[in-house]
Amino acid sequence: MAVVEQSKNNNHEVRYRVYPDIDSQVDYRNRTIDIEISLPGAKKEDIQLKFLPEWFYVNAKRDEIEYSGSYNLGTTVVPEKTTAKYSNGLLKVHAIIANPMDNAKTLSF
């Protein structure tokens, strides 16, 4: 982890913003992506995870540390089919790669 920002808030508390360690495995054959985000010491209720079709945002706070980052997935996923589990400082995300033909319209001629 690298310290990328140091700031003071109104309580004179020093907060360090760091990028969490992230590992991902893409399986194009089964159209899945499994992502592991390391957030040591963060509580489940202090984690915010937002998914869009092509990228995601994660934020978590622990004492004077704030884990924060936006990441490009490199492909398009279905956010509605994305699941996440958090245990022992590790956030595991499972996403389904979108099939481009799912929204295709069959034309009559």
PDB file of N, CA and C in Angstrom:
ATOM      1  N   MET A   1       0.840  -1.178   0.000  1.00  0.00           N
ATOM      2  CA  MET A   1       0.000   0.000   0.000  1.00  0.00           C
ATOM      3  C   MET A   1       0.883   1.238   0.000  1.00  0.00           C
ATOM      4  N   ALA A   2       0.503   2.216  -0.785  1.00  0.00           N
ATOM      5  CA  ALA A   2       1.252   3.464  -0.845  1.00  0.00           C
ATOM      6  C   ALA A   2       0.384   4.596  -0.331  1.00  0.00           C
ATOM      7  N   VAL A   3       0.980   5.482   0.437  1.00  0.00           N
ATOM      8  CA  VAL A   3       0.252   6.655   0.911  1.00  0.00           C
ATOM      9  C   VAL A   3       0.173   7.634  -0.242  1.00  0.00           C
ATOM     10  N   VAL A   4      -1.036   8.024  -0.630  1.00  0.00           N
ATOM     11  CA  VAL A   4      -1.188   8.952  -1.740  1.00  0.00           C
ATOM     12  C   VAL A   4      -1.717  10.304  -1.295  1.00  0.00           C
ATOM     13  N   GLU A   5      -2.235  10.390  -0.093  1.00  0.00           N
ATOM     14  CA  GLU A   5      -2.754  11.669   0.369  1.00  0.00           C
ATOM     15  C   GLU A   5      -2.747  11.701   1.889  1.00  0.00           C
ATOM     16  N   GLN A   6      -2.402  12.829   2.429  1.00  0.00           N
ATOM     17  CA  GLN A   6      -2.466  13.021   3.868  1.00  0.00           C
ATOM     18  C   GLN A   6      -3.192  14.342   4.084  1.00  0.00           C
ATOM     19  N   SER A   7      -4.237  14.327   4.894  1.00  0.00           N
ATOM     20  CA  SER A   7      -5.007  15.553   5.110  1.00  0.00           C
ATOM     21  C   SER A   7      -5.476  15.621   6.550  1.00  0.00           C
ATOM     22  N   LYS A   8      -5.929  16.809   6.957  1.00  0.00           N
ATOM     23  CA  LYS A   8      -6.477  17.001   8.293  1.00  0.00           C
ATOM     24  C   LYS A   8      -7.930  17.434   8.144  1.00  0.00           C
ATOM     25  N   ASN A   9      -8.799  16.855   8.989  1.00  0.00           N
ATOM     26  CA  ASN A   9     -10.183  17.298   8.979  1.00  0.00           C
ATOM     27  C   ASN A   9     -10.399  18.232  10.165  1.00  0.00           C
ATOM     28  N   ASN A  10     -11.631  18.610  10.436  1.00  0.00           N
ATOM     29  CA  ASN A  10     -11.933  19.557  11.505  1.00  0.00           C
ATOM     30  C   ASN A  10     -11.540  19.060  12.884  1.00  0.00           C
ATOM     31  N   ASN A  11     -11.428  17.753  13.090  1.00  0.00           N
ATOM     32  CA  ASN A  11     -11.053  17.194  14.390  1.00  0.00           C
ATOM     33  C   ASN A  11      -9.546  17.055  14.536  1.00  0.00           C
ATOM     34  N   HIS A  12      -8.781  17.584  13.605  1.00  0.00           N
ATOM     35  CA  HIS A  12      -7.326  17.500  13.589  1.00  0.00           C
ATOM     36  C   HIS A  12      -6.844  16.057  13.550  1.00  0.00           C
ATOM     37  N   GLU A  13      -7.660  15.185  13.009  1.00  0.00           N
ATOM     38  CA  GLU A  13      -7.308  13.780  12.850  1.00  0.00           C
ATOM     39  C   GLU A  13      -6.598  13.612  11.515  1.00  0.00           C
ATOM     40  N   VAL A  14      -5.456  12.969  11.513  1.00  0.00           N
ATOM     41  CA  VAL A  14      -4.733  12.714  10.272  1.00  0.00           C
ATOM     42  C   VAL A  14      -5.328  11.483   9.617  1.00  0.00           C
ATOM     43  N   ARG A  15      -5.609  11.579   8.344  1.00  0.00           N
ATOM     44  CA  ARG A  15      -6.178  10.449   7.603  1.00  0.00           C
ATOM     45  C   ARG A  15      -5.295  10.199   6.382  1.00  0.00           C
ATOM     46  N   TYR A  16      -4.931   8.947   6.192  1.00  0.00           N
ATOM     47  CA  TYR A  16      -4.133   8.549   5.042  1.00  0.00           C
ATOM     48  C   TYR A  16      -5.032   7.840   4.048  1.00  0.00           C
ATOM     49  N   ARG A  17      -4.977   8.261   2.801  1.00  0.00           N
ATOM     50  CA  ARG A  17      -5.755   7.600   1.755  1.00  0.00           C
ATOM     51  C   ARG A  17      -4.817   6.678   0.994  1.00  0.00           C
ATOM     52  N   VAL A  18      -5.195   5.406   0.918  1.00  0.00           N
ATOM     53  CA  VAL A  18      -4.368   4.406   0.238  1.00  0.00           C
ATOM     54  C   VAL A  18      -5.217   3.621  -0.757  1.00  0.00           C
ATOM     55  N   TYR A  19      -4.562   3.107  -1.797  1.00  0.00           N
ATOM     56  CA  TYR A  19      -5.229   2.230  -2.741  1.00  0.00           C
ATOM     57  C   TYR A  19      -5.196   0.814  -2.174  1.00  0.00           C
ATOM     58  N   PRO A  20      -6.339   0.154  -2.077  1.00  0.00           N
ATOM     59  CA  PRO A  20      -6.318  -1.222  -1.565  1.00  0.00           C
ATOM     60  C   PRO A  20      -5.675  -2.173  -2.575  1.00  0.00           C
ATOM     61  N   ASP A  21      -5.070  -3.234  -2.071  1.00  0.00           N
ATOM     62  CA  ASP A  21      -4.529  -4.269  -2.947  1.00  0.00           C
ATOM     63  C   ASP A  21      -5.695  -5.016  -3.582  1.00  0.00           C
ATOM     64  N   ILE A  22      -5.617  -5.205  -4.899  1.00  0.00           N
ATOM     65  CA  ILE A  22      -6.703  -5.865  -5.631  1.00  0.00           C
ATOM     66  C   ILE A  22      -6.117  -6.933  -6.539  1.00  0.00           C
ATOM     67  N   ASP A  23      -6.771  -8.092  -6.539  1.00  0.00           N
ATOM     68  CA  ASP A  23      -6.402  -9.179  -7.429  1.00  0.00           C
ATOM     69  C   ASP A  23      -7.660  -9.611  -8.167  1.00  0.00           C
ATOM     70  N   SER A  24      -7.542  -9.852  -9.464  1.00  0.00           N
ATOM     71  CA  SER A  24      -8.723 -10.298 -10.220  1.00  0.00           C
ATOM     72  C   SER A  24      -8.365 -11.448 -11.146  1.00  0.00           C
ATOM     73  N   GLN A  25      -9.345 -12.301 -11.340  1.00  0.00           N
ATOM     74  CA  GLN A  25      -9.225 -13.444 -12.243  1.00  0.00           C
ATOM     75  C   GLN A  25     -10.393 -13.381 -13.217  1.00  0.00           C
ATOM     76  N   VAL A  26     -10.098 -13.305 -14.507  1.00  0.00           N
ATOM     77  CA  VAL A  26     -11.129 -13.243 -15.532  1.00  0.00           C
ATOM     78  C   VAL A  26     -11.202 -14.600 -16.219  1.00  0.00           C
ATOM     79  N   ASP A  27     -12.415 -15.134 -16.309  1.00  0.00           N
ATOM     80  CA  ASP A  27     -12.668 -16.406 -16.986  1.00  0.00           C
ATOM     81  C   ASP A  27     -13.628 -16.124 -18.137  1.00  0.00           C
ATOM     82  N   TYR A  28     -13.072 -15.888 -19.325  1.00  0.00           N
ATOM     83  CA  TYR A  28     -13.919 -15.548 -20.477  1.00  0.00           C
ATOM     84  C   TYR A  28     -14.757 -16.730 -20.941  1.00  0.00           C
ATOM     85  N   ARG A  29     -14.262 -17.926 -20.750  1.00  0.00           N
ATOM     86  CA  ARG A  29     -15.010 -19.109 -21.178  1.00  0.00           C
ATOM     87  C   ARG A  29     -16.329 -19.227 -20.404  1.00  0.00           C
ATOM     88  N   ASN A  30     -16.272 -19.009 -19.084  1.00  0.00           N
ATOM     89  CA  ASN A  30     -17.482 -19.083 -18.250  1.00  0.00           C
ATOM     90  C   ASN A  30     -18.104 -17.712 -17.995  1.00  0.00           C
ATOM     91  N   ARG A  31     -17.517 -16.681 -18.600  1.00  0.00           N
ATOM     92  CA  ARG A  31     -18.022 -15.302 -18.510  1.00  0.00           C
ATOM     93  C   ARG A  31     -18.141 -14.827 -17.056  1.00  0.00           C
ATOM     94  N   THR A  32     -17.052 -14.952 -16.283  1.00  0.00           N
ATOM     95  CA  THR A  32     -17.053 -14.487 -14.897  1.00  0.00           C
ATOM     96  C   THR A  32     -15.769 -13.718 -14.583  1.00  0.00           C
ATOM     97  N   ILE A  33     -15.867 -12.864 -13.583  1.00  0.00           N
ATOM     98  CA  ILE A  33     -14.709 -12.174 -13.016  1.00  0.00           C
ATOM     99  C   ILE A  33     -14.792 -12.345 -11.502  1.00  0.00           C
ATOM    100  N   ASP A  34     -13.705 -12.790 -10.894  1.00  0.00           N
ATOM    101  CA  ASP A  34     -13.612 -12.880  -9.442  1.00  0.00           C
ATOM    102  C   ASP A  34     -12.547 -11.892  -8.991  1.00  0.00           C
ATOM    103  N   ILE A  35     -12.927 -11.031  -8.060  1.00  0.00           N
ATOM    104  CA  ILE A  35     -12.062  -9.957  -7.591  1.00  0.00           C
ATOM    105  C   ILE A  35     -11.896 -10.095  -6.083  1.00  0.00           C
ATOM    106  N   GLU A  36     -10.669  -9.932  -5.609  1.00  0.00           N
ATOM    107  CA  GLU A  36     -10.386  -9.916  -4.177  1.00  0.00           C
ATOM    108  C   GLU A  36      -9.781  -8.559  -3.837  1.00  0.00           C
ATOM    109  N   ILE A  37     -10.398  -7.871  -2.869  1.00  0.00           N
ATOM    110  CA  ILE A  37      -9.959  -6.550  -2.450  1.00  0.00           C
ATOM    111  C   ILE A  37      -9.533  -6.640  -0.992  1.00  0.00           C
ATOM    112  N   SER A  38      -8.286  -6.299  -0.723  1.00  0.00           N
ATOM    113  CA  SER A  38      -7.753  -6.385   0.628  1.00  0.00           C
ATOM    114  C   SER A  38      -8.045  -5.090   1.389  1.00  0.00           C
ATOM    115  N   LEU A  39      -8.833  -5.211   2.472  1.00  0.00           N
ATOM    116  CA  LEU A  39      -9.210  -4.072   3.310  1.00  0.00           C
ATOM    117  C   LEU A  39      -8.949  -4.426   4.773  1.00  0.00           C
ATOM    118  N   PRO A  40      -7.689  -4.679   5.146  1.00  0.00           N
ATOM    119  CA  PRO A  40      -7.403  -5.140   6.508  1.00  0.00           C
ATOM    120  C   PRO A  40      -7.859  -4.154   7.577  1.00  0.00           C
ATOM    121  N   GLY A  41      -8.564  -4.693   8.565  1.00  0.00           N
ATOM    122  CA  GLY A  41      -9.011  -3.883   9.695  1.00  0.00           C
ATOM    123  C   GLY A  41     -10.305  -3.129   9.482  1.00  0.00           C
ATOM    124  N   ALA A  42     -10.822  -3.092   8.265  1.00  0.00           N
ATOM    125  CA  ALA A  42     -12.074  -2.380   7.999  1.00  0.00           C
ATOM    126  C   ALA A  42     -13.258  -3.202   8.494  1.00  0.00           C
ATOM    127  N   LYS A  43     -14.273  -2.523   8.992  1.00  0.00           N
ATOM    128  CA  LYS A  43     -15.509  -3.191   9.405  1.00  0.00           C
ATOM    129  C   LYS A  43     -16.462  -3.206   8.219  1.00  0.00           C
ATOM    130  N   LYS A  44     -17.262  -4.254   8.150  1.00  0.00           N
ATOM    131  CA  LYS A  44     -18.203  -4.423   7.042  1.00  0.00           C
ATOM    132  C   LYS A  44     -19.082  -3.190   6.853  1.00  0.00           C
ATOM    133  N   GLU A  45     -19.544  -2.602   7.953  1.00  0.00           N
ATOM    134  CA  GLU A  45     -20.442  -1.449   7.859  1.00  0.00           C
ATOM    135  C   GLU A  45     -19.731  -0.173   7.391  1.00  0.00           C
ATOM    136  N   ASP A  46     -18.401  -0.190   7.337  1.00  0.00           N
ATOM    137  CA  ASP A  46     -17.638   0.973   6.886  1.00  0.00           C
ATOM    138  C   ASP A  46     -17.161   0.847   5.441  1.00  0.00           C
ATOM    139  N   ILE A  47     -17.650  -0.171   4.735  1.00  0.00           N
ATOM    140  CA  ILE A  47     -17.232  -0.406   3.346  1.00  0.00           C
ATOM    141  C   ILE A  47     -18.333   0.033   2.396  1.00  0.00           C
ATOM    142  N   GLN A  48     -17.933   0.755   1.356  1.00  0.00           N
ATOM    143  CA  GLN A  48     -18.861   1.163   0.297  1.00  0.00           C
ATOM    144  C   GLN A  48     -18.310   0.596  -1.015  1.00  0.00           C
ATOM    145  N   LEU A  49     -19.137  -0.158  -1.729  1.00  0.00           N
ATOM    146  CA  LEU A  49     -18.752  -0.761  -3.002  1.00  0.00           C
ATOM    147  C   LEU A  49     -19.839  -0.448  -4.017  1.00  0.00           C
ATOM    148  N   LYS A  50     -19.460   0.190  -5.111  1.00  0.00           N
ATOM    149  CA  LYS A  50     -20.421   0.535  -6.168  1.00  0.00           C
ATOM    150  C   LYS A  50     -19.922  -0.040  -7.489  1.00  0.00           C
ATOM    151  N   PHE A  51     -20.823  -0.746  -8.181  1.00  0.00           N
ATOM    152  CA  PHE A  51     -20.481  -1.365  -9.460  1.00  0.00           C
ATOM    153  C   PHE A  51     -21.270  -0.756 -10.594  1.00  0.00           C
ATOM    154  N   LEU A  52     -20.582  -0.477 -11.675  1.00  0.00           N
ATOM    155  CA  LEU A  52     -21.168  -0.070 -12.946  1.00  0.00           C
ATOM    156  C   LEU A  52     -20.752  -1.121 -13.967  1.00  0.00           C
ATOM    157  N   PRO A  53     -21.308  -1.091 -15.177  1.00  0.00           N
ATOM    158  CA  PRO A  53     -20.971  -2.137 -16.142  1.00  0.00           C
ATOM    159  C   PRO A  53     -19.478  -2.274 -16.468  1.00  0.00           C
ATOM    160  N   GLU A  54     -18.705  -1.184 -16.427  1.00  0.00           N
ATOM    161  CA  GLU A  54     -17.311  -1.286 -16.842  1.00  0.00           C
ATOM    162  C   GLU A  54     -16.285  -0.916 -15.773  1.00  0.00           C
ATOM    163  N   TRP A  55     -16.746  -0.493 -14.618  1.00  0.00           N
ATOM    164  CA  TRP A  55     -15.801  -0.150 -13.552  1.00  0.00           C
ATOM    165  C   TRP A  55     -16.486  -0.199 -12.204  1.00  0.00           C
ATOM    166  N   PHE A  56     -15.665  -0.157 -11.133  1.00  0.00           N
ATOM    167  CA  PHE A  56     -16.236  -0.134  -9.795  1.00  0.00           C
ATOM    168  C   PHE A  56     -15.446   0.807  -8.900  1.00  0.00           C
ATOM    169  N   TYR A  57     -16.083   1.194  -7.801  1.00  0.00           N
ATOM    170  CA  TYR A  57     -15.502   2.093  -6.815  1.00  0.00           C
ATOM    171  C   TYR A  57     -15.592   1.413  -5.455  1.00  0.00           C
ATOM    172  N   VAL A  58     -14.519   1.485  -4.683  1.00  0.00           N
ATOM    173  CA  VAL A  58     -14.521   0.932  -3.330  1.00  0.00           C
ATOM    174  C   VAL A  58     -13.955   1.973  -2.377  1.00  0.00           C
ATOM    175  N   ASN A  59     -14.546   2.039  -1.192  1.00  0.00           N
ATOM    176  CA  ASN A  59     -14.103   2.957  -0.154  1.00  0.00           C
ATOM    177  C   ASN A  59     -14.359   2.290   1.190  1.00  0.00           C
ATOM    178  N   ALA A  60     -13.380   2.350   2.078  1.00  0.00           N
ATOM    179  CA  ALA A  60     -13.530   1.790   3.422  1.00  0.00           C
ATOM    180  C   ALA A  60     -12.657   2.596   4.370  1.00  0.00           C
ATOM    181  N   LYS A  61     -13.136   2.751   5.600  1.00  0.00           N
ATOM    182  CA  LYS A  61     -12.380   3.506   6.591  1.00  0.00           C
ATOM    183  C   LYS A  61     -12.006   2.601   7.758  1.00  0.00           C
ATOM    184  N   ARG A  62     -10.781   2.832   8.250  1.00  0.00           N
ATOM    185  CA  ARG A  62     -10.281   2.115   9.425  1.00  0.00           C
ATOM    186  C   ARG A  62      -9.363   3.075  10.172  1.00  0.00           C
ATOM    187  N   ASP A  63      -9.763   3.454  11.359  1.00  0.00           N
ATOM    188  CA  ASP A  63      -8.978   4.383  12.167  1.00  0.00           C
ATOM    189  C   ASP A  63      -8.576   5.597  11.335  1.00  0.00           C
ATOM    190  N   GLU A  64      -7.264   5.859  11.183  1.00  0.00           N
ATOM    191  CA  GLU A  64      -6.817   7.027  10.427  1.00  0.00           C
ATOM    192  C   GLU A  64      -6.565   6.709   8.954  1.00  0.00           C
ATOM    193  N   ILE A  65      -6.907   5.494   8.519  1.00  0.00           N
ATOM    194  CA  ILE A  65      -6.679   5.073   7.138  1.00  0.00           C
ATOM    195  C   ILE A  65      -8.006   5.030   6.372  1.00  0.00           C
ATOM    196  N   GLU A  66      -7.960   5.518   5.140  1.00  0.00           N
ATOM    197  CA  GLU A  66      -9.107   5.417   4.240  1.00  0.00           C
ATOM    198  C   GLU A  66      -8.638   4.699   2.979  1.00  0.00           C
ATOM    199  N   TYR A  67      -9.207   3.513   2.721  1.00  0.00           N
ATOM    200  CA  TYR A  67      -8.939   2.782   1.490  1.00  0.00           C
ATOM    201  C   TYR A  67      -9.881   3.340   0.437  1.00  0.00           C
ATOM    202  N   SER A  68      -9.361   3.680  -0.741  1.00  0.00           N
ATOM    203  CA  SER A  68     -10.221   4.266  -1.754  1.00  0.00           C
ATOM    204  C   SER A  68      -9.629   4.050  -3.142  1.00  0.00           C
ATOM    205  N   GLY A  69     -10.502   3.707  -4.111  1.00  0.00           N
ATOM    206  CA  GLY A  69     -10.037   3.559  -5.478  1.00  0.00           C
ATOM    207  C   GLY A  69     -11.159   3.266  -6.444  1.00  0.00           C
ATOM    208  N   SER A  70     -10.952   3.642  -7.693  1.00  0.00           N
ATOM    209  CA  SER A  70     -11.849   3.318  -8.802  1.00  0.00           C
ATOM    210  C   SER A  70     -11.049   2.457  -9.773  1.00  0.00           C
ATOM    211  N   TYR A  71     -11.677   1.409 -10.276  1.00  0.00           N
ATOM    212  CA  TYR A  71     -10.955   0.459 -11.095  1.00  0.00           C
ATOM    213  C   TYR A  71     -11.756   0.091 -12.341  1.00  0.00           C
ATOM    214  N   ASN A  72     -11.058   0.041 -13.482  1.00  0.00           N
ATOM    215  CA  ASN A  72     -11.659  -0.369 -14.739  1.00  0.00           C
ATOM    216  C   ASN A  72     -11.606  -1.885 -14.815  1.00  0.00           C
ATOM    217  N   LEU A  73     -12.710  -2.507 -15.214  1.00  0.00           N
ATOM    218  CA  LEU A  73     -12.791  -3.966 -15.279  1.00  0.00           C
ATOM    219  C   LEU A  73     -12.197  -4.540 -16.560  1.00  0.00           C
ATOM    220  N   GLY A  74     -12.070  -3.728 -17.597  1.00  0.00           N
ATOM    221  CA  GLY A  74     -11.533  -4.221 -18.851  1.00  0.00           C
ATOM    222  C   GLY A  74     -12.540  -4.976 -19.697  1.00  0.00           C
ATOM    223  N   THR A  75     -13.746  -5.101 -19.219  1.00  0.00           N
ATOM    224  CA  THR A  75     -14.842  -5.749 -19.936  1.00  0.00           C
ATOM    225  C   THR A  75     -16.149  -5.223 -19.340  1.00  0.00           C
ATOM    226  N   THR A  76     -17.265  -5.645 -19.868  1.00  0.00           N
ATOM    227  CA  THR A  76     -18.572  -5.204 -19.377  1.00  0.00           C
ATOM    228  C   THR A  76     -19.207  -6.318 -18.557  1.00  0.00           C
ATOM    229  N   VAL A  77     -19.662  -5.966 -17.335  1.00  0.00           N
ATOM    230  CA  VAL A  77     -20.325  -6.942 -16.470  1.00  0.00           C
ATOM    231  C   VAL A  77     -21.776  -6.532 -16.250  1.00  0.00           C
ATOM    232  N   VAL A  78     -22.535  -7.420 -15.618  1.00  0.00           N
ATOM    233  CA  VAL A  78     -23.926  -7.155 -15.278  1.00  0.00           C
ATOM    234  C   VAL A  78     -23.974  -6.812 -13.780  1.00  0.00           C
ATOM    235  N   PRO A  79     -24.070  -5.516 -13.426  1.00  0.00           N
ATOM    236  CA  PRO A  79     -24.057  -5.138 -12.007  1.00  0.00           C
ATOM    237  C   PRO A  79     -25.151  -5.818 -11.179  1.00  0.00           C
ATOM    238  N   GLU A  80     -26.305  -6.054 -11.773  1.00  0.00           N
ATOM    239  CA  GLU A  80     -27.420  -6.672 -11.049  1.00  0.00           C
ATOM    240  C   GLU A  80     -27.133  -8.124 -10.668  1.00  0.00           C
ATOM    241  N   LYS A  81     -26.189  -8.759 -11.325  1.00  0.00           N
ATOM    242  CA  LYS A  81     -25.838 -10.148 -11.027  1.00  0.00           C
ATOM    243  C   LYS A  81     -24.522 -10.253 -10.254  1.00  0.00           C
ATOM    244  N   THR A  82     -24.005  -9.131  -9.789  1.00  0.00           N
ATOM    245  CA  THR A  82     -22.741  -9.100  -9.064  1.00  0.00           C
ATOM    246  C   THR A  82     -22.993  -9.324  -7.580  1.00  0.00           C
ATOM    247  N   THR A  83     -22.171 -10.170  -6.954  1.00  0.00           N
ATOM    248  CA  THR A  83     -22.311 -10.461  -5.527  1.00  0.00           C
ATOM    249  C   THR A  83     -20.981 -10.176  -4.815  1.00  0.00           C
ATOM    250  N   ALA A  84     -21.066  -9.919  -3.516  1.00  0.00           N
ATOM    251  CA  ALA A  84     -19.863  -9.647  -2.731  1.00  0.00           C
ATOM    252  C   ALA A  84     -20.005 -10.234  -1.333  1.00  0.00           C
ATOM    253  N   LYS A  85     -18.882 -10.694  -0.786  1.00  0.00           N
ATOM    254  CA  LYS A  85     -18.820 -11.216   0.583  1.00  0.00           C
ATOM    255  C   LYS A  85     -17.571 -10.649   1.229  1.00  0.00           C
ATOM    256  N   TYR A  86     -17.689 -10.306   2.514  1.00  0.00           N
ATOM    257  CA  TYR A  86     -16.555  -9.744   3.246  1.00  0.00           C
ATOM    258  C   TYR A  86     -16.273 -10.577   4.484  1.00  0.00           C
ATOM    259  N   SER A  87     -15.004 -10.981   4.637  1.00  0.00           N
ATOM    260  CA  SER A  87     -14.612 -11.767   5.789  1.00  0.00           C
ATOM    261  C   SER A  87     -13.121 -11.586   6.040  1.00  0.00           C
ATOM    262  N   ASN A  88     -12.760 -11.344   7.296  1.00  0.00           N
ATOM    263  CA  ASN A  88     -11.359 -11.268   7.710  1.00  0.00           C
ATOM    264  C   ASN A  88     -10.518 -10.321   6.864  1.00  0.00           C
ATOM    265  N   GLY A  89     -11.050  -9.151   6.548  1.00  0.00           N
ATOM    266  CA  GLY A  89     -10.290  -8.141   5.819  1.00  0.00           C
ATOM    267  C   GLY A  89     -10.223  -8.335   4.319  1.00  0.00           C
ATOM    268  N   LEU A  90     -10.951  -9.315   3.788  1.00  0.00           N
ATOM    269  CA  LEU A  90     -10.927  -9.596   2.358  1.00  0.00           C
ATOM    270  C   LEU A  90     -12.333  -9.513   1.778  1.00  0.00           C
ATOM    271  N   LEU A  91     -12.515  -8.622   0.828  1.00  0.00           N
ATOM    272  CA  LEU A  91     -13.792  -8.458   0.128  1.00  0.00           C
ATOM    273  C   LEU A  91     -13.699  -9.231  -1.177  1.00  0.00           C
ATOM    274  N   LYS A  92     -14.551 -10.242  -1.320  1.00  0.00           N
ATOM    275  CA  LYS A  92     -14.564 -11.076  -2.524  1.00  0.00           C
ATOM    276  C   LYS A  92     -15.795 -10.729  -3.356  1.00  0.00           C
ATOM    277  N   VAL A  93     -15.554 -10.422  -4.621  1.00  0.00           N
ATOM    278  CA  VAL A  93     -16.619 -10.013  -5.537  1.00  0.00           C
ATOM    279  C   VAL A  93     -16.671 -11.006  -6.694  1.00  0.00           C
ATOM    280  N   HIS A  94     -17.879 -11.408  -7.055  1.00  0.00           N
ATOM    281  CA  HIS A  94     -18.094 -12.303  -8.195  1.00  0.00           C
ATOM    282  C   HIS A  94     -19.024 -11.591  -9.169  1.00  0.00           C
ATOM    283  N   ALA A  95     -18.558 -11.388 -10.395  1.00  0.00           N
ATOM    284  CA  ALA A  95     -19.347 -10.673 -11.397  1.00  0.00           C
ATOM    285  C   ALA A  95     -19.489 -11.523 -12.657  1.00  0.00           C
ATOM    286  N   ILE A  96     -20.599 -11.331 -13.340  1.00  0.00           N
ATOM    287  CA  ILE A  96     -20.888 -12.033 -14.591  1.00  0.00           C
ATOM    288  C   ILE A  96     -20.589 -11.091 -15.752  1.00  0.00           C
ATOM    289  N   ILE A  97     -19.783 -11.557 -16.703  1.00  0.00           N
ATOM    290  CA  ILE A  97     -19.491 -10.761 -17.892  1.00  0.00           C
ATOM    291  C   ILE A  97     -20.739 -10.747 -18.769  1.00  0.00           C
ATOM    292  N   ALA A  98     -21.114  -9.558 -19.204  1.00  0.00           N
ATOM    293  CA  ALA A  98     -22.324  -9.394 -20.017  1.00  0.00           C
ATOM    294  C   ALA A  98     -22.160 -10.053 -21.379  1.00  0.00           C
ATOM    295  N   ASN A  99     -23.224 -10.692 -21.818  1.00  0.00           N
ATOM    296  CA  ASN A  99     -23.272 -11.251 -23.161  1.00  0.00           C
ATOM    297  C   ASN A  99     -23.827 -10.159 -24.069  1.00  0.00           C
ATOM    298  N   PRO A 100     -23.072  -9.702 -25.057  1.00  0.00           N
ATOM    299  CA  PRO A 100     -23.554  -8.597 -25.894  1.00  0.00           C
ATOM    300  C   PRO A 100     -24.826  -8.930 -26.663  1.00  0.00           C
ATOM    301  N   MET A 101     -25.154 -10.211 -26.810  1.00  0.00           N
ATOM    302  CA  MET A 101     -26.356 -10.594 -27.546  1.00  0.00           C
ATOM    303  C   MET A 101     -27.598 -10.623 -26.663  1.00  0.00           C
ATOM    304  N   ASP A 102     -27.449 -10.456 -25.338  1.00  0.00           N
ATOM    305  CA  ASP A 102     -28.604 -10.489 -24.441  1.00  0.00           C
ATOM    306  C   ASP A 102     -29.635  -9.412 -24.765  1.00  0.00           C
ATOM    307  N   ASN A 103     -29.189  -8.263 -25.190  1.00  0.00           N
ATOM    308  CA  ASN A 103     -30.118  -7.162 -25.496  1.00  0.00           C
ATOM    309  C   ASN A 103     -30.316  -6.958 -26.994  1.00  0.00           C
ATOM    310  N   ALA A 104     -29.890  -7.930 -27.781  1.00  0.00           N
ATOM    311  CA  ALA A 104     -30.037  -7.810 -29.224  1.00  0.00           C
ATOM    312  C   ALA A 104     -31.498  -7.962 -29.635  1.00  0.00           C
ATOM    313  N   LYS A 105     -31.876  -7.233 -30.624  1.00  0.00           N
ATOM    314  CA  LYS A 105     -33.233  -7.309 -31.148  1.00  0.00           C
ATOM    315  C   LYS A 105     -33.206  -8.109 -32.443  1.00  0.00           C
ATOM    316  N   THR A 106     -34.103  -9.093 -32.527  1.00  0.00           N
ATOM    317  CA  THR A 106     -34.227  -9.864 -33.758  1.00  0.00           C
ATOM    318  C   THR A 106     -35.133  -9.093 -34.702  1.00  0.00           C
ATOM    319  N   LEU A 107     -34.626  -8.860 -35.882  1.00  0.00           N
ATOM    320  CA  LEU A 107     -35.391  -8.085 -36.865  1.00  0.00           C
ATOM    321  C   LEU A 107     -36.124  -9.021 -37.825  1.00  0.00           C
ATOM    322  N   SER A 108     -37.334  -8.630 -38.153  1.00  0.00           N
ATOM    323  CA  SER A 108     -38.115  -9.368 -39.151  1.00  0.00           C
ATOM    324  C   SER A 108     -37.927  -8.679 -40.482  1.00  0.00           C
ATOM    325  N   PHE A 109     -37.904  -9.462 -41.532  1.00  0.00           N
ATOM    326  CA  PHE A 109     -37.765  -8.868 -42.876  1.00  0.00           C
ATOM    327  C   PHE A 109     -38.502  -9.706 -43.888  1.00  0.00           C
TER     328      PHE A 109
END
